[in-house]
């Protein structure tokens, strides 16, 4: 999973700042990020609170861990089938 340059709390603070009336370009210039990145973050974190963002990150981490475990199990299963087919 890609590591973000900004924490979820900081991204949400930037979005709230922009929603408070500050121009998007000004928020981006102040925090040193492109408008495209800002809108990407806004689509992902818009409407979330900090606690919701933490839950989202925890779920994404758990999902990545489970995908890795599944891939390892599929690989083990394929190896066992290969060995069994060679013996029989």
PDB file of N, CA and C in Angstrom:
ATOM      1  N   UNK A   1       0.828  -1.168   0.000  1.00  0.00           N
ATOM      2  CA  UNK A   1       0.000   0.000   0.000  1.00  0.00           C
ATOM      3  C   UNK A   1       0.883   1.245   0.000  1.00  0.00           C
ATOM      4  N   UNK A   2       0.478   2.224  -0.773  1.00  0.00           N
ATOM      5  CA  UNK A   2       1.275   3.428  -0.912  1.00  0.00           C
ATOM      6  C   UNK A   2       1.215   4.263   0.368  1.00  0.00           C
ATOM      7  N   UNK A   3       2.357   4.756   0.792  1.00  0.00           N
ATOM      8  CA  UNK A   3       2.419   5.593   1.982  1.00  0.00           C
ATOM      9  C   UNK A   3       2.157   7.031   1.570  1.00  0.00           C
ATOM     10  N   UNK A   4       1.249   7.684   2.292  1.00  0.00           N
ATOM     11  CA  UNK A   4       0.933   9.066   1.987  1.00  0.00           C
ATOM     12  C   UNK A   4       1.966   9.992   2.593  1.00  0.00           C
ATOM     13  N   UNK A   5       2.165  11.108   1.913  1.00  0.00           N
ATOM     14  CA  UNK A   5       3.108  12.111   2.394  1.00  0.00           C
ATOM     15  C   UNK A   5       2.545  12.839   3.619  1.00  0.00           C
ATOM     16  N   UNK A   6       1.235  12.983   3.646  1.00  0.00           N
ATOM     17  CA  UNK A   6       0.566  13.669   4.746  1.00  0.00           C
ATOM     18  C   UNK A   6      -0.253  12.663   5.549  1.00  0.00           C
ATOM     19  N   UNK A   7      -0.372  12.912   6.837  1.00  0.00           N
ATOM     20  CA  UNK A   7      -1.197  12.045   7.672  1.00  0.00           C
ATOM     21  C   UNK A   7      -2.670  12.325   7.373  1.00  0.00           C
ATOM     22  N   UNK A   8      -3.515  11.386   7.743  1.00  0.00           N
ATOM     23  CA  UNK A   8      -4.949  11.550   7.514  1.00  0.00           C
ATOM     24  C   UNK A   8      -5.469  12.781   8.266  1.00  0.00           C
ATOM     25  N   UNK A   9      -4.957  13.020   9.455  1.00  0.00           N
ATOM     26  CA  UNK A   9      -5.388  14.172  10.232  1.00  0.00           C
ATOM     27  C   UNK A   9      -5.058  15.476   9.516  1.00  0.00           C
ATOM     28  N   UNK A  10      -3.863  15.532   8.939  1.00  0.00           N
ATOM     29  CA  UNK A  10      -3.440  16.748   8.239  1.00  0.00           C
ATOM     30  C   UNK A  10      -4.237  16.948   6.952  1.00  0.00           C
ATOM     31  N   UNK A  11      -4.531  15.864   6.253  1.00  0.00           N
ATOM     32  CA  UNK A  11      -5.321  15.961   5.031  1.00  0.00           C
ATOM     33  C   UNK A  11      -6.721  16.473   5.355  1.00  0.00           C
ATOM     34  N   UNK A  12      -7.326  15.928   6.406  1.00  0.00           N
ATOM     35  CA  UNK A  12      -8.665  16.369   6.798  1.00  0.00           C
ATOM     36  C   UNK A  12      -8.649  17.837   7.220  1.00  0.00           C
ATOM     37  N   UNK A  13      -7.586  18.254   7.898  1.00  0.00           N
ATOM     38  CA  UNK A  13      -7.465  19.661   8.287  1.00  0.00           C
ATOM     39  C   UNK A  13      -7.369  20.555   7.054  1.00  0.00           C
ATOM     40  N   UNK A  14      -6.642  20.122   6.026  1.00  0.00           N
ATOM     41  CA  UNK A  14      -6.550  20.904   4.785  1.00  0.00           C
ATOM     42  C   UNK A  14      -7.909  21.012   4.109  1.00  0.00           C
ATOM     43  N   UNK A  15      -8.649  19.912   4.087  1.00  0.00           N
ATOM     44  CA  UNK A  15      -9.969  19.916   3.454  1.00  0.00           C
ATOM     45  C   UNK A  15     -10.918  20.839   4.213  1.00  0.00           C
ATOM     46  N   UNK A  16     -10.879  20.773   5.538  1.00  0.00           N
ATOM     47  CA  UNK A  16     -11.735  21.640   6.356  1.00  0.00           C
ATOM     48  C   UNK A  16     -11.363  23.106   6.156  1.00  0.00           C
ATOM     49  N   UNK A  17     -10.069  23.379   5.995  1.00  0.00           N
ATOM     50  CA  UNK A  17      -9.607  24.744   5.742  1.00  0.00           C
ATOM     51  C   UNK A  17     -10.177  25.258   4.427  1.00  0.00           C
ATOM     52  N   UNK A  18     -10.151  24.412   3.403  1.00  0.00           N
ATOM     53  CA  UNK A  18     -10.695  24.798   2.099  1.00  0.00           C
ATOM     54  C   UNK A  18     -12.206  24.972   2.168  1.00  0.00           C
ATOM     55  N   UNK A  19     -12.883  24.104   2.917  1.00  0.00           N
ATOM     56  CA  UNK A  19     -14.331  24.223   3.072  1.00  0.00           C
ATOM     57  C   UNK A  19     -14.706  25.456   3.871  1.00  0.00           C
ATOM     58  N   UNK A  20     -13.780  25.959   4.676  1.00  0.00           N
ATOM     59  CA  UNK A  20     -14.006  27.155   5.478  1.00  0.00           C
ATOM     60  C   UNK A  20     -13.951  28.448   4.694  1.00  0.00           C
ATOM     61  N   UNK A  21     -13.610  28.374   3.423  1.00  0.00           N
ATOM     62  CA  UNK A  21     -13.624  29.570   2.601  1.00  0.00           C
ATOM     63  C   UNK A  21     -12.299  29.956   1.989  1.00  0.00           C
ATOM     64  N   UNK A  22     -11.232  29.288   2.334  1.00  0.00           N
ATOM     65  CA  UNK A  22      -9.930  29.591   1.755  1.00  0.00           C
ATOM     66  C   UNK A  22      -9.876  28.957   0.358  1.00  0.00           C
ATOM     67  N   UNK A  23      -9.312  29.673  -0.591  1.00  0.00           N
ATOM     68  CA  UNK A  23      -9.227  29.172  -1.963  1.00  0.00           C
ATOM     69  C   UNK A  23      -8.373  27.912  -2.018  1.00  0.00           C
ATOM     70  N   UNK A  24      -8.766  26.996  -2.899  1.00  0.00           N
ATOM     71  CA  UNK A  24      -8.055  25.723  -3.028  1.00  0.00           C
ATOM     72  C   UNK A  24      -6.596  25.948  -3.388  1.00  0.00           C
ATOM     73  N   UNK A  25      -6.341  26.860  -4.302  1.00  0.00           N
ATOM     74  CA  UNK A  25      -4.964  27.139  -4.714  1.00  0.00           C
ATOM     75  C   UNK A  25      -4.131  27.638  -3.541  1.00  0.00           C
ATOM     76  N   UNK A  26      -4.732  28.449  -2.684  1.00  0.00           N
ATOM     77  CA  UNK A  26      -4.020  28.979  -1.520  1.00  0.00           C
ATOM     78  C   UNK A  26      -3.698  27.865  -0.515  1.00  0.00           C
ATOM     79  N   UNK A  27      -4.650  26.966  -0.280  1.00  0.00           N
ATOM     80  CA  UNK A  27      -4.420  25.837   0.629  1.00  0.00           C
ATOM     81  C   UNK A  27      -3.289  24.964   0.095  1.00  0.00           C
ATOM     82  N   UNK A  28      -3.322  24.696  -1.206  1.00  0.00           N
ATOM     83  CA  UNK A  28      -2.294  23.858  -1.824  1.00  0.00           C
ATOM     84  C   UNK A  28      -0.925  24.509  -1.746  1.00  0.00           C
ATOM     85  N   UNK A  29      -0.864  25.805  -2.007  1.00  0.00           N
ATOM     86  CA  UNK A  29       0.416  26.516  -1.956  1.00  0.00           C
ATOM     87  C   UNK A  29       0.954  26.536  -0.516  1.00  0.00           C
ATOM     88  N   UNK A  30       0.061  26.744   0.446  1.00  0.00           N
ATOM     89  CA  UNK A  30       0.459  26.811   1.851  1.00  0.00           C
ATOM     90  C   UNK A  30       1.046  25.477   2.338  1.00  0.00           C
ATOM     91  N   UNK A  31       0.458  24.366   1.877  1.00  0.00           N
ATOM     92  CA  UNK A  31       0.893  23.054   2.348  1.00  0.00           C
ATOM     93  C   UNK A  31       1.839  22.343   1.391  1.00  0.00           C
ATOM     94  N   UNK A  32       2.100  22.953   0.247  1.00  0.00           N
ATOM     95  CA  UNK A  32       3.071  22.387  -0.687  1.00  0.00           C
ATOM     96  C   UNK A  32       2.594  21.141  -1.399  1.00  0.00           C
ATOM     97  N   UNK A  33       1.362  21.185  -1.906  1.00  0.00           N
ATOM     98  CA  UNK A  33       0.885  20.051  -2.680  1.00  0.00           C
ATOM     99  C   UNK A  33       0.128  20.550  -3.892  1.00  0.00           C
ATOM    100  N   UNK A  34       0.026  19.700  -4.892  1.00  0.00           N
ATOM    101  CA  UNK A  34      -0.635  20.104  -6.127  1.00  0.00           C
ATOM    102  C   UNK A  34      -2.145  20.059  -5.960  1.00  0.00           C
ATOM    103  N   UNK A  35      -2.837  20.789  -6.807  1.00  0.00           N
ATOM    104  CA  UNK A  35      -4.299  20.783  -6.731  1.00  0.00           C
ATOM    105  C   UNK A  35      -4.856  19.406  -7.080  1.00  0.00           C
ATOM    106  N   UNK A  36      -4.179  18.699  -7.987  1.00  0.00           N
ATOM    107  CA  UNK A  36      -4.627  17.348  -8.337  1.00  0.00           C
ATOM    108  C   UNK A  36      -4.563  16.431  -7.114  1.00  0.00           C
ATOM    109  N   UNK A  37      -3.490  16.527  -6.350  1.00  0.00           N
ATOM    110  CA  UNK A  37      -3.366  15.722  -5.129  1.00  0.00           C
ATOM    111  C   UNK A  37      -4.425  16.134  -4.115  1.00  0.00           C
ATOM    112  N   UNK A  38      -4.679  17.433  -4.018  1.00  0.00           N
ATOM    113  CA  UNK A  38      -5.698  17.907  -3.083  1.00  0.00           C
ATOM    114  C   UNK A  38      -7.061  17.313  -3.427  1.00  0.00           C
ATOM    115  N   UNK A  39      -7.427  17.358  -4.699  1.00  0.00           N
ATOM    116  CA  UNK A  39      -8.732  16.831  -5.101  1.00  0.00           C
ATOM    117  C   UNK A  39      -8.797  15.312  -4.944  1.00  0.00           C
ATOM    118  N   UNK A  40      -7.663  14.627  -5.119  1.00  0.00           N
ATOM    119  CA  UNK A  40      -7.622  13.180  -4.881  1.00  0.00           C
ATOM    120  C   UNK A  40      -7.864  12.897  -3.405  1.00  0.00           C
ATOM    121  N   UNK A  41      -7.191  13.648  -2.531  1.00  0.00           N
ATOM    122  CA  UNK A  41      -7.391  13.483  -1.097  1.00  0.00           C
ATOM    123  C   UNK A  41      -8.830  13.838  -0.713  1.00  0.00           C
ATOM    124  N   UNK A  42      -9.366  14.884  -1.336  1.00  0.00           N
ATOM    125  CA  UNK A  42     -10.723  15.310  -1.022  1.00  0.00           C
ATOM    126  C   UNK A  42     -11.744  14.240  -1.400  1.00  0.00           C
ATOM    127  N   UNK A  43     -11.509  13.573  -2.527  1.00  0.00           N
ATOM    128  CA  UNK A  43     -12.437  12.518  -2.919  1.00  0.00           C
ATOM    129  C   UNK A  43     -12.350  11.328  -1.974  1.00  0.00           C
ATOM    130  N   UNK A  44     -11.192  11.099  -1.403  1.00  0.00           N
ATOM    131  CA  UNK A  44     -11.013   9.965  -0.499  1.00  0.00           C
ATOM    132  C   UNK A  44     -11.439  10.302   0.933  1.00  0.00           C
ATOM    133  N   UNK A  45     -11.109  11.490   1.416  1.00  0.00           N
ATOM    134  CA  UNK A  45     -11.331  11.856   2.806  1.00  0.00           C
ATOM    135  C   UNK A  45     -12.432  12.885   3.013  1.00  0.00           C
ATOM    136  N   UNK A  46     -13.046  13.394   1.962  1.00  0.00           N
ATOM    137  CA  UNK A  46     -14.084  14.403   2.105  1.00  0.00           C
ATOM    138  C   UNK A  46     -15.254  13.885   2.918  1.00  0.00           C
ATOM    139  N   UNK A  47     -15.662  14.637   3.914  1.00  0.00           N
ATOM    140  CA  UNK A  47     -16.774  14.238   4.754  1.00  0.00           C
ATOM    141  C   UNK A  47     -16.403  13.327   5.905  1.00  0.00           C
ATOM    142  N   UNK A  48     -15.144  12.979   6.045  1.00  0.00           N
ATOM    143  CA  UNK A  48     -14.715  12.105   7.137  1.00  0.00           C
ATOM    144  C   UNK A  48     -14.199  12.919   8.307  1.00  0.00           C
ATOM    145  N   UNK A  49     -14.369  12.362   9.486  1.00  0.00           N
ATOM    146  CA  UNK A  49     -13.720  12.916  10.678  1.00  0.00           C
ATOM    147  C   UNK A  49     -12.385  12.199  10.845  1.00  0.00           C
ATOM    148  N   UNK A  50     -11.579  12.667  11.766  1.00  0.00           N
ATOM    149  CA  UNK A  50     -10.273  12.067  12.012  1.00  0.00           C
ATOM    150  C   UNK A  50     -10.430  10.620  12.466  1.00  0.00           C
ATOM    151  N   UNK A  51     -11.414  10.354  13.327  1.00  0.00           N
ATOM    152  CA  UNK A  51     -11.609   8.978  13.806  1.00  0.00           C
ATOM    153  C   UNK A  51     -12.033   8.055  12.662  1.00  0.00           C
ATOM    154  N   UNK A  52     -12.855   8.579  11.740  1.00  0.00           N
ATOM    155  CA  UNK A  52     -13.253   7.783  10.575  1.00  0.00           C
ATOM    156  C   UNK A  52     -12.054   7.472   9.692  1.00  0.00           C
ATOM    157  N   UNK A  53     -11.167   8.436   9.542  1.00  0.00           N
ATOM    158  CA  UNK A  53      -9.972   8.233   8.723  1.00  0.00           C
ATOM    159  C   UNK A  53      -9.056   7.180   9.351  1.00  0.00           C
ATOM    160  N   UNK A  54      -8.965   7.186  10.666  1.00  0.00           N
ATOM    161  CA  UNK A  54      -8.150   6.174  11.347  1.00  0.00           C
ATOM    162  C   UNK A  54      -8.733   4.788  11.141  1.00  0.00           C
ATOM    163  N   UNK A  55     -10.065   4.685  11.220  1.00  0.00           N
ATOM    164  CA  UNK A  55     -10.727   3.400  10.983  1.00  0.00           C
ATOM    165  C   UNK A  55     -10.494   2.943   9.550  1.00  0.00           C
ATOM    166  N   UNK A  56     -10.573   3.877   8.608  1.00  0.00           N
ATOM    167  CA  UNK A  56     -10.342   3.557   7.205  1.00  0.00           C
ATOM    168  C   UNK A  56      -8.930   3.031   7.000  1.00  0.00           C
ATOM    169  N   UNK A  57      -7.945   3.661   7.628  1.00  0.00           N
ATOM    170  CA  UNK A  57      -6.561   3.202   7.502  1.00  0.00           C
ATOM    171  C   UNK A  57      -6.380   1.831   8.130  1.00  0.00           C
ATOM    172  N   UNK A  58      -6.999   1.606   9.281  1.00  0.00           N
ATOM    173  CA  UNK A  58      -6.897   0.297   9.935  1.00  0.00           C
ATOM    174  C   UNK A  58      -7.510  -0.791   9.064  1.00  0.00           C
ATOM    175  N   UNK A  59      -8.645  -0.487   8.454  1.00  0.00           N
ATOM    176  CA  UNK A  59      -9.279  -1.468   7.573  1.00  0.00           C
ATOM    177  C   UNK A  59      -8.437  -1.727   6.326  1.00  0.00           C
ATOM    178  N   UNK A  60      -7.823  -0.689   5.785  1.00  0.00           N
ATOM    179  CA  UNK A  60      -6.971  -0.863   4.609  1.00  0.00           C
ATOM    180  C   UNK A  60      -5.749  -1.712   4.954  1.00  0.00           C
ATOM    181  N   UNK A  61      -5.164  -1.490   6.126  1.00  0.00           N
ATOM    182  CA  UNK A  61      -4.022  -2.300   6.561  1.00  0.00           C
ATOM    183  C   UNK A  61      -4.419  -3.758   6.751  1.00  0.00           C
ATOM    184  N   UNK A  62      -5.580  -3.976   7.379  1.00  0.00           N
ATOM    185  CA  UNK A  62      -6.050  -5.346   7.583  1.00  0.00           C
ATOM    186  C   UNK A  62      -6.337  -6.024   6.250  1.00  0.00           C
ATOM    187  N   UNK A  63      -6.914  -5.276   5.323  1.00  0.00           N
ATOM    188  CA  UNK A  63      -7.207  -5.812   3.996  1.00  0.00           C
ATOM    189  C   UNK A  63      -5.928  -6.224   3.277  1.00  0.00           C
ATOM    190  N   UNK A  64      -4.896  -5.406   3.365  1.00  0.00           N
ATOM    191  CA  UNK A  64      -3.622  -5.737   2.729  1.00  0.00           C
ATOM    192  C   UNK A  64      -3.015  -6.992   3.351  1.00  0.00           C
ATOM    193  N   UNK A  65      -3.106  -7.104   4.672  1.00  0.00           N
ATOM    194  CA  UNK A  65      -2.578  -8.275   5.365  1.00  0.00           C
ATOM    195  C   UNK A  65      -3.319  -9.538   4.934  1.00  0.00           C
ATOM    196  N   UNK A  66      -4.645  -9.455   4.845  1.00  0.00           N
ATOM    197  CA  UNK A  66      -5.440 -10.614   4.436  1.00  0.00           C
ATOM    198  C   UNK A  66      -5.174 -11.010   2.986  1.00  0.00           C
ATOM    199  N   UNK A  67      -4.974 -10.025   2.122  1.00  0.00           N
ATOM    200  CA  UNK A  67      -4.644 -10.332   0.729  1.00  0.00           C
ATOM    201  C   UNK A  67      -3.307 -11.053   0.629  1.00  0.00           C
ATOM    202  N   UNK A  68      -2.356 -10.642   1.445  1.00  0.00           N
ATOM    203  CA  UNK A  68      -1.047 -11.291   1.450  1.00  0.00           C
ATOM    204  C   UNK A  68      -1.164 -12.738   1.927  1.00  0.00           C
ATOM    205  N   UNK A  69      -1.940 -12.947   2.998  1.00  0.00           N
ATOM    206  CA  UNK A  69      -2.146 -14.299   3.504  1.00  0.00           C
ATOM    207  C   UNK A  69      -2.839 -15.188   2.473  1.00  0.00           C
ATOM    208  N   UNK A  70      -3.819 -14.638   1.778  1.00  0.00           N
ATOM    209  CA  UNK A  70      -4.521 -15.396   0.743  1.00  0.00           C
ATOM    210  C   UNK A  70      -3.575 -15.774  -0.392  1.00  0.00           C
ATOM    211  N   UNK A  71      -2.737 -14.841  -0.797  1.00  0.00           N
ATOM    212  CA  UNK A  71      -1.783 -15.128  -1.874  1.00  0.00           C
ATOM    213  C   UNK A  71      -0.816 -16.232  -1.452  1.00  0.00           C
ATOM    214  N   UNK A  72      -0.367 -16.206  -0.206  1.00  0.00           N
ATOM    215  CA  UNK A  72       0.532 -17.257   0.283  1.00  0.00           C
ATOM    216  C   UNK A  72      -0.169 -18.613   0.300  1.00  0.00           C
ATOM    217  N   UNK A  73      -1.437 -18.650   0.707  1.00  0.00           N
ATOM    218  CA  UNK A  73      -2.189 -19.899   0.733  1.00  0.00           C
ATOM    219  C   UNK A  73      -2.406 -20.450  -0.673  1.00  0.00           C
ATOM    220  N   UNK A  74      -2.691 -19.589  -1.619  1.00  0.00           N
ATOM    221  CA  UNK A  74      -2.873 -20.025  -3.010  1.00  0.00           C
ATOM    222  C   UNK A  74      -1.571 -20.598  -3.549  1.00  0.00           C
ATOM    223  N   UNK A  75      -0.465 -19.956  -3.235  1.00  0.00           N
ATOM    224  CA  UNK A  75       0.838 -20.441  -3.679  1.00  0.00           C
ATOM    225  C   UNK A  75       1.157 -21.797  -3.051  1.00  0.00           C
ATOM    226  N   UNK A  76       0.909 -21.944  -1.766  1.00  0.00           N
ATOM    227  CA  UNK A  76       1.135 -23.228  -1.096  1.00  0.00           C
ATOM    228  C   UNK A  76       0.269 -24.329  -1.708  1.00  0.00           C
ATOM    229  N   UNK A  77      -0.977 -24.000  -1.979  1.00  0.00           N
ATOM    230  CA  UNK A  77      -1.895 -24.969  -2.581  1.00  0.00           C
ATOM    231  C   UNK A  77      -1.415 -25.394  -3.967  1.00  0.00           C
ATOM    232  N   UNK A  78      -0.951 -24.438  -4.747  1.00  0.00           N
ATOM    233  CA  UNK A  78      -0.449 -24.755  -6.091  1.00  0.00           C
ATOM    234  C   UNK A  78       0.789 -25.645  -6.015  1.00  0.00           C
ATOM    235  N   UNK A  79       1.685 -25.361  -5.056  1.00  0.00           N
ATOM    236  CA  UNK A  79       2.883 -26.183  -4.902  1.00  0.00           C
ATOM    237  C   UNK A  79       2.515 -27.608  -4.497  1.00  0.00           C
ATOM    238  N   UNK A  80       1.570 -27.774  -3.580  1.00  0.00           N
ATOM    239  CA  UNK A  80       1.144 -29.108  -3.153  1.00  0.00           C
ATOM    240  C   UNK A  80       0.496 -29.886  -4.302  1.00  0.00           C
ATOM    241  N   UNK A  81      -0.293 -29.207  -5.113  1.00  0.00           N
ATOM    242  CA  UNK A  81      -0.910 -29.872  -6.274  1.00  0.00           C
ATOM    243  C   UNK A  81       0.161 -30.304  -7.270  1.00  0.00           C
ATOM    244  N   UNK A  82       1.164 -29.483  -7.447  1.00  0.00           N
ATOM    245  CA  UNK A  82       2.255 -29.807  -8.366  1.00  0.00           C
ATOM    246  C   UNK A  82       3.023 -31.047  -7.878  1.00  0.00           C
ATOM    247  N   UNK A  83       3.334 -31.085  -6.586  1.00  0.00           N
ATOM    248  CA  UNK A  83       4.048 -32.221  -6.016  1.00  0.00           C
ATOM    249  C   UNK A  83       3.192 -33.485  -6.104  1.00  0.00           C
ATOM    250  N   UNK A  84       1.911 -33.367  -5.819  1.00  0.00           N
ATOM    251  CA  UNK A  84       1.026 -34.532  -5.876  1.00  0.00           C
ATOM    252  C   UNK A  84       0.865 -35.063  -7.287  1.00  0.00           C
ATOM    253  N   UNK A  85       0.859 -34.186  -8.267  1.00  0.00           N
ATOM    254  CA  UNK A  85       0.709 -34.639  -9.652  1.00  0.00           C
ATOM    255  C   UNK A  85       1.989 -35.339 -10.151  1.00  0.00           C
ATOM    256  N   UNK A  86       3.129 -34.948  -9.639  1.00  0.00           N
ATOM    257  CA  UNK A  86       4.382 -35.572 -10.046  1.00  0.00           C
ATOM    258  C   UNK A  86       4.545 -36.967  -9.438  1.00  0.00           C
ATOM    259  N   UNK A  87       4.023 -37.169  -8.238  1.00  0.00           N
ATOM    260  CA  UNK A  87       4.138 -38.463  -7.579  1.00  0.00           C
ATOM    261  C   UNK A  87       3.130 -39.472  -8.140  1.00  0.00           C
ATOM    262  N   UNK A  88       1.982 -38.979  -8.569  1.00  0.00           N
ATOM    263  CA  UNK A  88       0.923 -39.893  -9.007  1.00  0.00           C
ATOM    264  C   UNK A  88       0.938 -40.017 -10.458  1.00  0.00           C
TER     265      UNK A  88
END
